[in-house]
Every structure is written in C-alpha cells, then in structure tokens.
Amino acid sequence: MTITGEIWVTLDTCRDYRLQQEFITPYTPEQNGINERFFRSLKEECVWQHAFQIFEDARRIIRYWVHWYNHRRPHSALGYQSPVQYRTHQSTQVA
C-alpha cells in the first residue's frame, strides 16, 4: 500500500467514525500527551499482540479493542473505572 493509500484509508476511517481532525499548537507536545498515551496503549495491548493477515482482521480486532477500552478497561486517571463507568457515575453526581 502506498503512503497516499494509507492516508485515504485514514481519512475514510475518520469519516466512518465521524472524527474531526484537529491540530495542536506547534512546539507544544504537552497538548498531545493524551493522544500519545492512547496510541501507546492501543499498540501495546492490541496491535502488537496480533499478526494481522488482512486489513479487515485488523479493523475488526481494533474496533473490538476500542469498545473494550471505553467500556471495560479500568483507567487509573478515572479512579480505575472505564470511561463509560466514569461518565455514568459523573452524570449521577450532577445537581
């Protein structure tokens, strides 16, 4: 696959998930820390654990992992709750 092809796959995937591209302020890496941490977790906990044979396998397994990451995986920054659990708990705390 060419670089151009990879870029189009990325744009298609962003469009599929209704994601919007944003840019950080140049020379401010601290703005990118959350994204870097997510991708580190994705690589260590998912991508490097599989030998994907075809793109569809990667897409299916990564999609499953992202769902698990948001619904089941405990996050230390959220008091060891998943993001969904944390948000549900926070919504019940609103006065």
PDB file of N, CA and C in Angstrom:
ATOM      1  N   MET A   1       0.845  -1.170   0.000  1.00  0.00           N
ATOM      2  CA  MET A   1       0.000   0.000   0.000  1.00  0.00           C
ATOM      3  C   MET A   1       0.897   1.242   0.000  1.00  0.00           C
ATOM      4  N   THR A   2       0.531   2.212  -0.754  1.00  0.00           N
ATOM      5  CA  THR A   2       1.312   3.445  -0.832  1.00  0.00           C
ATOM      6  C   THR A   2       0.958   4.369   0.326  1.00  0.00           C
ATOM      7  N   ILE A   3       1.796   5.353   0.546  1.00  0.00           N
ATOM      8  CA  ILE A   3       1.502   6.340   1.583  1.00  0.00           C
ATOM      9  C   ILE A   3       0.190   7.030   1.275  1.00  0.00           C
ATOM     10  N   THR A   4      -0.019   7.367   0.016  1.00  0.00           N
ATOM     11  CA  THR A   4      -1.280   8.007  -0.365  1.00  0.00           C
ATOM     12  C   THR A   4      -2.451   7.107  -0.011  1.00  0.00           C
ATOM     13  N   GLY A   5      -2.320   5.812  -0.284  1.00  0.00           N
ATOM     14  CA  GLY A   5      -3.383   4.870   0.053  1.00  0.00           C
ATOM     15  C   GLY A   5      -3.650   4.825   1.539  1.00  0.00           C
ATOM     16  N   GLU A   6      -2.574   4.842   2.348  1.00  0.00           N
ATOM     17  CA  GLU A   6      -2.748   4.826   3.800  1.00  0.00           C
ATOM     18  C   GLU A   6      -3.451   6.078   4.282  1.00  0.00           C
ATOM     19  N   ILE A   7      -3.119   7.196   3.686  1.00  0.00           N
ATOM     20  CA  ILE A   7      -3.777   8.445   4.076  1.00  0.00           C
ATOM     21  C   ILE A   7      -5.262   8.373   3.769  1.00  0.00           C
ATOM     22  N   TRP A   8      -5.626   7.868   2.608  1.00  0.00           N
ATOM     23  CA  TRP A   8      -7.049   7.769   2.261  1.00  0.00           C
ATOM     24  C   TRP A   8      -7.770   6.792   3.168  1.00  0.00           C
ATOM     25  N   VAL A   9      -7.117   5.692   3.536  1.00  0.00           N
ATOM     26  CA  VAL A   9      -7.733   4.767   4.483  1.00  0.00           C
ATOM     27  C   VAL A   9      -7.989   5.488   5.796  1.00  0.00           C
ATOM     28  N   THR A  10      -7.028   6.264   6.257  1.00  0.00           N
ATOM     29  CA  THR A  10      -7.184   7.010   7.495  1.00  0.00           C
ATOM     30  C   THR A  10      -8.330   8.010   7.395  1.00  0.00           C
ATOM     31  N   LEU A  11      -8.405   8.737   6.308  1.00  0.00           N
ATOM     32  CA  LEU A  11      -9.487   9.698   6.133  1.00  0.00           C
ATOM     33  C   LEU A  11     -10.837   9.002   6.079  1.00  0.00           C
ATOM     34  N   ASP A  12     -10.906   7.858   5.392  1.00  0.00           N
ATOM     35  CA  ASP A  12     -12.157   7.099   5.336  1.00  0.00           C
ATOM     36  C   ASP A  12     -12.560   6.615   6.725  1.00  0.00           C
ATOM     37  N   THR A  13     -11.587   6.125   7.480  1.00  0.00           N
ATOM     38  CA  THR A  13     -11.877   5.648   8.833  1.00  0.00           C
ATOM     39  C   THR A  13     -12.354   6.794   9.716  1.00  0.00           C
ATOM     40  N   CYS A  14     -11.708   7.936   9.630  1.00  0.00           N
ATOM     41  CA  CYS A  14     -12.146   9.111  10.399  1.00  0.00           C
ATOM     42  C   CYS A  14     -13.571   9.489  10.021  1.00  0.00           C
ATOM     43  N   ARG A  15     -13.868   9.465   8.747  1.00  0.00           N
ATOM     44  CA  ARG A  15     -15.212   9.788   8.292  1.00  0.00           C
ATOM     45  C   ARG A  15     -16.218   8.758   8.826  1.00  0.00           C
ATOM     46  N   ASP A  16     -15.852   7.456   8.796  1.00  0.00           N
ATOM     47  CA  ASP A  16     -16.732   6.395   9.304  1.00  0.00           C
ATOM     48  C   ASP A  16     -17.091   6.621  10.770  1.00  0.00           C
ATOM     49  N   TYR A  17     -16.119   7.077  11.557  1.00  0.00           N
ATOM     50  CA  TYR A  17     -16.341   7.285  12.988  1.00  0.00           C
ATOM     51  C   TYR A  17     -16.740   8.718  13.338  1.00  0.00           C
ATOM     52  N   ARG A  18     -16.961   9.535  12.308  1.00  0.00           N
ATOM     53  CA  ARG A  18     -17.343  10.936  12.471  1.00  0.00           C
ATOM     54  C   ARG A  18     -16.322  11.696  13.326  1.00  0.00           C
ATOM     55  N   LEU A  19     -15.033  11.427  13.073  1.00  0.00           N
ATOM     56  CA  LEU A  19     -13.966  12.113  13.774  1.00  0.00           C
ATOM     57  C   LEU A  19     -13.532  13.323  12.970  1.00  0.00           C
ATOM     58  N   GLN A  20     -13.142  14.361  13.670  1.00  0.00           N
ATOM     59  CA  GLN A  20     -12.692  15.580  13.025  1.00  0.00           C
ATOM     60  C   GLN A  20     -11.225  15.802  13.371  1.00  0.00           C
ATOM     61  N   GLN A  21     -10.435  16.089  12.367  1.00  0.00           N
ATOM     62  CA  GLN A  21      -9.008  16.305  12.583  1.00  0.00           C
ATOM     63  C   GLN A  21      -8.783  17.658  13.257  1.00  0.00           C
ATOM     64  N   GLU A  22      -7.906  17.660  14.256  1.00  0.00           N
ATOM     65  CA  GLU A  22      -7.525  18.885  14.939  1.00  0.00           C
ATOM     66  C   GLU A  22      -6.010  18.951  14.996  1.00  0.00           C
ATOM     67  N   PHE A  23      -5.480  20.142  15.090  1.00  0.00           N
ATOM     68  CA  PHE A  23      -4.046  20.335  15.150  1.00  0.00           C
ATOM     69  C   PHE A  23      -3.672  20.968  16.480  1.00  0.00           C
ATOM     70  N   ILE A  24      -2.532  20.537  17.020  1.00  0.00           N
ATOM     71  CA  ILE A  24      -2.039  21.152  18.246  1.00  0.00           C
ATOM     72  C   ILE A  24      -1.209  22.374  17.876  1.00  0.00           C
ATOM     73  N   THR A  25      -0.999  23.227  18.851  1.00  0.00           N
ATOM     74  CA  THR A  25      -0.135  24.386  18.653  1.00  0.00           C
ATOM     75  C   THR A  25       1.286  23.892  18.415  1.00  0.00           C
ATOM     76  N   PRO A  26       1.965  24.392  17.389  1.00  0.00           N
ATOM     77  CA  PRO A  26       3.333  23.934  17.134  1.00  0.00           C
ATOM     78  C   PRO A  26       4.239  24.111  18.357  1.00  0.00           C
ATOM     79  N   TYR A  27       5.098  23.128  18.558  1.00  0.00           N
ATOM     80  CA  TYR A  27       6.101  23.139  19.628  1.00  0.00           C
ATOM     81  C   TYR A  27       5.487  23.078  21.024  1.00  0.00           C
ATOM     82  N   THR A  28       4.327  22.451  21.152  1.00  0.00           N
ATOM     83  CA  THR A  28       3.703  22.247  22.458  1.00  0.00           C
ATOM     84  C   THR A  28       3.317  20.776  22.604  1.00  0.00           C
ATOM     85  N   PRO A  29       4.292  19.882  22.795  1.00  0.00           N
ATOM     86  CA  PRO A  29       3.991  18.453  22.851  1.00  0.00           C
ATOM     87  C   PRO A  29       3.094  18.057  24.014  1.00  0.00           C
ATOM     88  N   GLU A  30       3.042  18.883  25.061  1.00  0.00           N
ATOM     89  CA  GLU A  30       2.168  18.544  26.187  1.00  0.00           C
ATOM     90  C   GLU A  30       0.702  18.485  25.781  1.00  0.00           C
ATOM     91  N   GLN A  31       0.341  19.171  24.693  1.00  0.00           N
ATOM     92  CA  GLN A  31      -1.041  19.115  24.204  1.00  0.00           C
ATOM     93  C   GLN A  31      -1.351  17.765  23.569  1.00  0.00           C
ATOM     94  N   ASN A  32      -0.329  17.006  23.241  1.00  0.00           N
ATOM     95  CA  ASN A  32      -0.520  15.756  22.530  1.00  0.00           C
ATOM     96  C   ASN A  32      -0.410  14.537  23.444  1.00  0.00           C
ATOM     97  N   GLY A  33      -0.174  14.737  24.723  1.00  0.00           N
ATOM     98  CA  GLY A  33       0.070  13.634  25.645  1.00  0.00           C
ATOM     99  C   GLY A  33      -1.047  12.621  25.723  1.00  0.00           C
ATOM    100  N   ILE A  34      -2.279  13.061  25.762  1.00  0.00           N
ATOM    101  CA  ILE A  34      -3.416  12.143  25.860  1.00  0.00           C
ATOM    102  C   ILE A  34      -3.480  11.253  24.625  1.00  0.00           C
ATOM    103  N   ASN A  35      -3.303  11.852  23.459  1.00  0.00           N
ATOM    104  CA  ASN A  35      -3.329  11.065  22.226  1.00  0.00           C
ATOM    105  C   ASN A  35      -2.183  10.061  22.187  1.00  0.00           C
ATOM    106  N   GLU A  36      -0.998  10.517  22.577  1.00  0.00           N
ATOM    107  CA  GLU A  36       0.162   9.620  22.571  1.00  0.00           C
ATOM    108  C   GLU A  36      -0.058   8.447  23.517  1.00  0.00           C
ATOM    109  N   ARG A  37      -0.643   8.695  24.666  1.00  0.00           N
ATOM    110  CA  ARG A  37      -0.883   7.622  25.646  1.00  0.00           C
ATOM    111  C   ARG A  37      -1.892   6.628  25.107  1.00  0.00           C
ATOM    112  N   PHE A  38      -2.948   7.125  24.464  1.00  0.00           N
ATOM    113  CA  PHE A  38      -3.938   6.220  23.890  1.00  0.00           C
ATOM    114  C   PHE A  38      -3.287   5.306  22.848  1.00  0.00           C
ATOM    115  N   PHE A  39      -2.516   5.888  21.933  1.00  0.00           N
ATOM    116  CA  PHE A  39      -1.909   5.080  20.883  1.00  0.00           C
ATOM    117  C   PHE A  39      -0.858   4.118  21.435  1.00  0.00           C
ATOM    118  N   ARG A  40      -0.188   4.501  22.507  1.00  0.00           N
ATOM    119  CA  ARG A  40       0.732   3.564  23.157  1.00  0.00           C
ATOM    120  C   ARG A  40      -0.038   2.358  23.688  1.00  0.00           C
ATOM    121  N   SER A  41      -1.155   2.617  24.370  1.00  0.00           N
ATOM    122  CA  SER A  41      -1.978   1.518  24.882  1.00  0.00           C
ATOM    123  C   SER A  41      -2.504   0.654  23.739  1.00  0.00           C
ATOM    124  N   LEU A  42      -2.986   1.287  22.678  1.00  0.00           N
ATOM    125  CA  LEU A  42      -3.502   0.546  21.529  1.00  0.00           C
ATOM    126  C   LEU A  42      -2.428  -0.382  20.962  1.00  0.00           C
ATOM    127  N   LYS A  43      -1.218   0.129  20.786  1.00  0.00           N
ATOM    128  CA  LYS A  43      -0.142  -0.692  20.228  1.00  0.00           C
ATOM    129  C   LYS A  43       0.257  -1.817  21.190  1.00  0.00           C
ATOM    130  N   GLU A  44       0.479  -1.482  22.466  1.00  0.00           N
ATOM    131  CA  GLU A  44       0.961  -2.478  23.418  1.00  0.00           C
ATOM    132  C   GLU A  44      -0.084  -3.537  23.746  1.00  0.00           C
ATOM    133  N   GLU A  45      -1.332  -3.126  23.888  1.00  0.00           N
ATOM    134  CA  GLU A  45      -2.370  -4.040  24.352  1.00  0.00           C
ATOM    135  C   GLU A  45      -3.123  -4.737  23.218  1.00  0.00           C
ATOM    136  N   CYS A  46      -2.987  -4.235  22.002  1.00  0.00           N
ATOM    137  CA  CYS A  46      -3.767  -4.812  20.907  1.00  0.00           C
ATOM    138  C   CYS A  46      -2.908  -5.121  19.684  1.00  0.00           C
ATOM    139  N   VAL A  47      -2.406  -4.107  19.034  1.00  0.00           N
ATOM    140  CA  VAL A  47      -1.756  -4.279  17.730  1.00  0.00           C
ATOM    141  C   VAL A  47      -0.568  -5.225  17.810  1.00  0.00           C
ATOM    142  N   TRP A  48       0.304  -5.042  18.792  1.00  0.00           N
ATOM    143  CA  TRP A  48       1.497  -5.873  18.880  1.00  0.00           C
ATOM    144  C   TRP A  48       1.184  -7.294  19.360  1.00  0.00           C
ATOM    145  N   GLN A  49      -0.048  -7.543  19.790  1.00  0.00           N
ATOM    146  CA  GLN A  49      -0.447  -8.871  20.252  1.00  0.00           C
ATOM    147  C   GLN A  49      -0.999  -9.741  19.131  1.00  0.00           C
ATOM    148  N   HIS A  50      -1.152  -9.180  17.940  1.00  0.00           N
ATOM    149  CA  HIS A  50      -1.756  -9.906  16.819  1.00  0.00           C
ATOM    150  C   HIS A  50      -0.870  -9.838  15.582  1.00  0.00           C
ATOM    151  N   ALA A  51      -0.978 -10.863  14.779  1.00  0.00           N
ATOM    152  CA  ALA A  51      -0.323 -10.866  13.463  1.00  0.00           C
ATOM    153  C   ALA A  51      -1.448 -10.776  12.426  1.00  0.00           C
ATOM    154  N   PHE A  52      -1.849  -9.567  12.102  1.00  0.00           N
ATOM    155  CA  PHE A  52      -2.960  -9.362  11.183  1.00  0.00           C
ATOM    156  C   PHE A  52      -2.579  -9.828   9.787  1.00  0.00           C
ATOM    157  N   GLN A  53      -3.457 -10.605   9.165  1.00  0.00           N
ATOM    158  CA  GLN A  53      -3.213 -11.095   7.820  1.00  0.00           C
ATOM    159  C   GLN A  53      -3.811 -10.168   6.765  1.00  0.00           C
ATOM    160  N   ILE A  54      -4.953  -9.607   7.091  1.00  0.00           N
ATOM    161  CA  ILE A  54      -5.625  -8.695   6.155  1.00  0.00           C
ATOM    162  C   ILE A  54      -6.150  -7.489   6.927  1.00  0.00           C
ATOM    163  N   PHE A  55      -6.392  -6.414   6.200  1.00  0.00           N
ATOM    164  CA  PHE A  55      -6.838  -5.167   6.815  1.00  0.00           C
ATOM    165  C   PHE A  55      -8.152  -5.354   7.583  1.00  0.00           C
ATOM    166  N   GLU A  56      -9.062  -6.153   7.040  1.00  0.00           N
ATOM    167  CA  GLU A  56     -10.353  -6.354   7.708  1.00  0.00           C
ATOM    168  C   GLU A  56     -10.183  -7.002   9.083  1.00  0.00           C
ATOM    169  N   ASP A  57      -9.221  -7.925   9.202  1.00  0.00           N
ATOM    170  CA  ASP A  57      -8.942  -8.520  10.520  1.00  0.00           C
ATOM    171  C   ASP A  57      -8.482  -7.454  11.503  1.00  0.00           C
ATOM    172  N   ALA A  58      -7.571  -6.607  11.065  1.00  0.00           N
ATOM    173  CA  ALA A  58      -7.074  -5.526  11.927  1.00  0.00           C
ATOM    174  C   ALA A  58      -8.209  -4.603  12.326  1.00  0.00           C
ATOM    175  N   ARG A  59      -9.026  -4.217  11.371  1.00  0.00           N
ATOM    176  CA  ARG A  59     -10.141  -3.316  11.656  1.00  0.00           C
ATOM    177  C   ARG A  59     -11.100  -3.925  12.673  1.00  0.00           C
ATOM    178  N   ARG A  60     -11.433  -5.200  12.493  1.00  0.00           N
ATOM    179  CA  ARG A  60     -12.379  -5.876  13.398  1.00  0.00           C
ATOM    180  C   ARG A  60     -11.802  -5.974  14.808  1.00  0.00           C
ATOM    181  N   ILE A  61     -10.554  -6.395  14.925  1.00  0.00           N
ATOM    182  CA  ILE A  61      -9.942  -6.585  16.243  1.00  0.00           C
ATOM    183  C   ILE A  61      -9.708  -5.249  16.938  1.00  0.00           C
ATOM    184  N   ILE A  62      -9.260  -4.256  16.206  1.00  0.00           N
ATOM    185  CA  ILE A  62      -9.046  -2.933  16.805  1.00  0.00           C
ATOM    186  C   ILE A  62     -10.373  -2.312  17.222  1.00  0.00           C
ATOM    187  N   ARG A  63     -11.403  -2.480  16.420  1.00  0.00           N
ATOM    188  CA  ARG A  63     -12.729  -1.969  16.784  1.00  0.00           C
ATOM    189  C   ARG A  63     -13.200  -2.609  18.090  1.00  0.00           C
ATOM    190  N   TYR A  64     -13.000  -3.924  18.229  1.00  0.00           N
ATOM    191  CA  TYR A  64     -13.365  -4.617  19.460  1.00  0.00           C
ATOM    192  C   TYR A  64     -12.559  -4.054  20.634  1.00  0.00           C
ATOM    193  N   TRP A  65     -11.238  -3.859  20.432  1.00  0.00           N
ATOM    194  CA  TRP A  65     -10.390  -3.350  21.499  1.00  0.00           C
ATOM    195  C   TRP A  65     -10.820  -1.952  21.936  1.00  0.00           C
ATOM    196  N   VAL A  66     -11.134  -1.085  20.988  1.00  0.00           N
ATOM    197  CA  VAL A  66     -11.571   0.276  21.332  1.00  0.00           C
ATOM    198  C   VAL A  66     -12.854   0.217  22.154  1.00  0.00           C
ATOM    199  N   HIS A  67     -13.775  -0.664  21.795  1.00  0.00           N
ATOM    200  CA  HIS A  67     -15.008  -0.820  22.580  1.00  0.00           C
ATOM    201  C   HIS A  67     -14.664  -1.288  23.996  1.00  0.00           C
ATOM    202  N   TRP A  68     -13.782  -2.281  24.103  1.00  0.00           N
ATOM    203  CA  TRP A  68     -13.358  -2.767  25.413  1.00  0.00           C
ATOM    204  C   TRP A  68     -12.665  -1.650  26.205  1.00  0.00           C
ATOM    205  N   TYR A  69     -11.810  -0.893  25.541  1.00  0.00           N
ATOM    206  CA  TYR A  69     -11.074   0.210  26.167  1.00  0.00           C
ATOM    207  C   TYR A  69     -12.037   1.224  26.777  1.00  0.00           C
ATOM    208  N   ASN A  70     -13.107   1.528  26.102  1.00  0.00           N
ATOM    209  CA  ASN A  70     -14.061   2.530  26.577  1.00  0.00           C
ATOM    210  C   ASN A  70     -15.085   1.993  27.567  1.00  0.00           C
ATOM    211  N   HIS A  71     -15.417   0.701  27.468  1.00  0.00           N
ATOM    212  CA  HIS A  71     -16.497   0.152  28.291  1.00  0.00           C
ATOM    213  C   HIS A  71     -16.035  -0.720  29.452  1.00  0.00           C
ATOM    214  N   ARG A  72     -14.860  -1.343  29.345  1.00  0.00           N
ATOM    215  CA  ARG A  72     -14.457  -2.309  30.366  1.00  0.00           C
ATOM    216  C   ARG A  72     -13.087  -2.037  30.990  1.00  0.00           C
ATOM    217  N   ARG A  73     -12.161  -1.486  30.252  1.00  0.00           N
ATOM    218  CA  ARG A  73     -10.782  -1.336  30.738  1.00  0.00           C
ATOM    219  C   ARG A  73     -10.709  -0.281  31.840  1.00  0.00           C
ATOM    220  N   PRO A  74     -10.165  -0.643  33.007  1.00  0.00           N
ATOM    221  CA  PRO A  74     -10.010   0.355  34.069  1.00  0.00           C
ATOM    222  C   PRO A  74      -8.899   1.356  33.720  1.00  0.00           C
ATOM    223  N   HIS A  75      -9.140   2.620  34.005  1.00  0.00           N
ATOM    224  CA  HIS A  75      -8.185   3.704  33.751  1.00  0.00           C
ATOM    225  C   HIS A  75      -7.802   4.311  35.095  1.00  0.00           C
ATOM    226  N   SER A  76      -6.512   4.332  35.382  1.00  0.00           N
ATOM    227  CA  SER A  76      -6.076   4.858  36.676  1.00  0.00           C
ATOM    228  C   SER A  76      -6.477   6.319  36.858  1.00  0.00           C
ATOM    229  N   ALA A  77      -6.455   7.100  35.787  1.00  0.00           N
ATOM    230  CA  ALA A  77      -6.815   8.525  35.880  1.00  0.00           C
ATOM    231  C   ALA A  77      -8.297   8.719  36.191  1.00  0.00           C
ATOM    232  N   LEU A  78      -9.100   7.666  36.015  1.00  0.00           N
ATOM    233  CA  LEU A  78     -10.541   7.760  36.275  1.00  0.00           C
ATOM    234  C   LEU A  78     -10.922   6.947  37.504  1.00  0.00           C
ATOM    235  N   GLY A  79      -9.993   6.781  38.419  1.00  0.00           N
ATOM    236  CA  GLY A  79     -10.275   6.015  39.631  1.00  0.00           C
ATOM    237  C   GLY A  79     -10.492   4.543  39.340  1.00  0.00           C
ATOM    238  N   TYR A  80      -9.805   4.019  38.350  1.00  0.00           N
ATOM    239  CA  TYR A  80      -9.879   2.619  37.932  1.00  0.00           C
ATOM    240  C   TYR A  80     -11.276   2.215  37.470  1.00  0.00           C
ATOM    241  N   GLN A  81     -11.955   3.158  36.850  1.00  0.00           N
ATOM    242  CA  GLN A  81     -13.222   2.893  36.176  1.00  0.00           C
ATOM    243  C   GLN A  81     -12.982   3.004  34.672  1.00  0.00           C
ATOM    244  N   SER A  82     -13.866   2.403  33.899  1.00  0.00           N
ATOM    245  CA  SER A  82     -13.802   2.616  32.454  1.00  0.00           C
ATOM    246  C   SER A  82     -14.364   4.008  32.162  1.00  0.00           C
ATOM    247  N   PRO A  83     -14.067   4.577  30.995  1.00  0.00           N
ATOM    248  CA  PRO A  83     -14.646   5.886  30.666  1.00  0.00           C
ATOM    249  C   PRO A  83     -16.174   5.898  30.725  1.00  0.00           C
ATOM    250  N   VAL A  84     -16.805   4.825  30.277  1.00  0.00           N
ATOM    251  CA  VAL A  84     -18.276   4.763  30.320  1.00  0.00           C
ATOM    252  C   VAL A  84     -18.756   4.721  31.766  1.00  0.00           C
ATOM    253  N   GLN A  85     -18.117   3.917  32.597  1.00  0.00           N
ATOM    254  CA  GLN A  85     -18.494   3.868  34.011  1.00  0.00           C
ATOM    255  C   GLN A  85     -18.291   5.222  34.676  1.00  0.00           C
ATOM    256  N   TYR A  86     -17.168   5.860  34.377  1.00  0.00           N
ATOM    257  CA  TYR A  86     -16.865   7.164  34.955  1.00  0.00           C
ATOM    258  C   TYR A  86     -17.909   8.201  34.551  1.00  0.00           C
ATOM    259  N   ARG A  87     -18.233   8.233  33.270  1.00  0.00           N
ATOM    260  CA  ARG A  87     -19.219   9.203  32.793  1.00  0.00           C
ATOM    261  C   ARG A  87     -20.595   8.943  33.413  1.00  0.00           C
ATOM    262  N   THR A  88     -20.967   7.683  33.513  1.00  0.00           N
ATOM    263  CA  THR A  88     -22.252   7.345  34.143  1.00  0.00           C
ATOM    264  C   THR A  88     -22.262   7.807  35.594  1.00  0.00           C
ATOM    265  N   HIS A  89     -21.188   7.538  36.304  1.00  0.00           N
ATOM    266  CA  HIS A  89     -21.089   7.974  37.704  1.00  0.00           C
ATOM    267  C   HIS A  89     -21.127   9.485  37.812  1.00  0.00           C
ATOM    268  N   GLN A  90     -20.420  10.185  36.918  1.00  0.00           N
ATOM    269  CA  GLN A  90     -20.403  11.647  36.950  1.00  0.00           C
ATOM    270  C   GLN A  90     -21.783  12.227  36.657  1.00  0.00           C
ATOM    271  N   SER A  91     -22.519  11.617  35.750  1.00  0.00           N
ATOM    272  CA  SER A  91     -23.838  12.158  35.395  1.00  0.00           C
ATOM    273  C   SER A  91     -24.821  12.014  36.549  1.00  0.00           C
ATOM    274  N   THR A  92     -24.617  11.043  37.444  1.00  0.00           N
ATOM    275  CA  THR A  92     -25.495  10.908  38.599  1.00  0.00           C
ATOM    276  C   THR A  92     -25.121  11.877  39.710  1.00  0.00           C
ATOM    277  N   GLN A  93     -23.902  12.477  39.641  1.00  0.00           N
ATOM    278  CA  GLN A  93     -23.426  13.404  40.652  1.00  0.00           C
ATOM    279  C   GLN A  93     -23.831  14.844  40.370  1.00  0.00           C
ATOM    280  N   VAL A  94     -24.343  15.103  39.179  1.00  0.00           N
ATOM    281  CA  VAL A  94     -24.723  16.478  38.800  1.00  0.00           C
ATOM    282  C   VAL A  94     -25.973  16.875  39.561  1.00  0.00           C
ATOM    283  N   ALA A  95     -25.924  18.047  40.168  1.00  0.00           N
ATOM    284  CA  ALA A  95     -27.063  18.510  40.971  1.00  0.00           C
ATOM    285  C   ALA A  95     -28.168  19.052  40.101  1.00  0.00           C
TER     286      ALA A  95
END
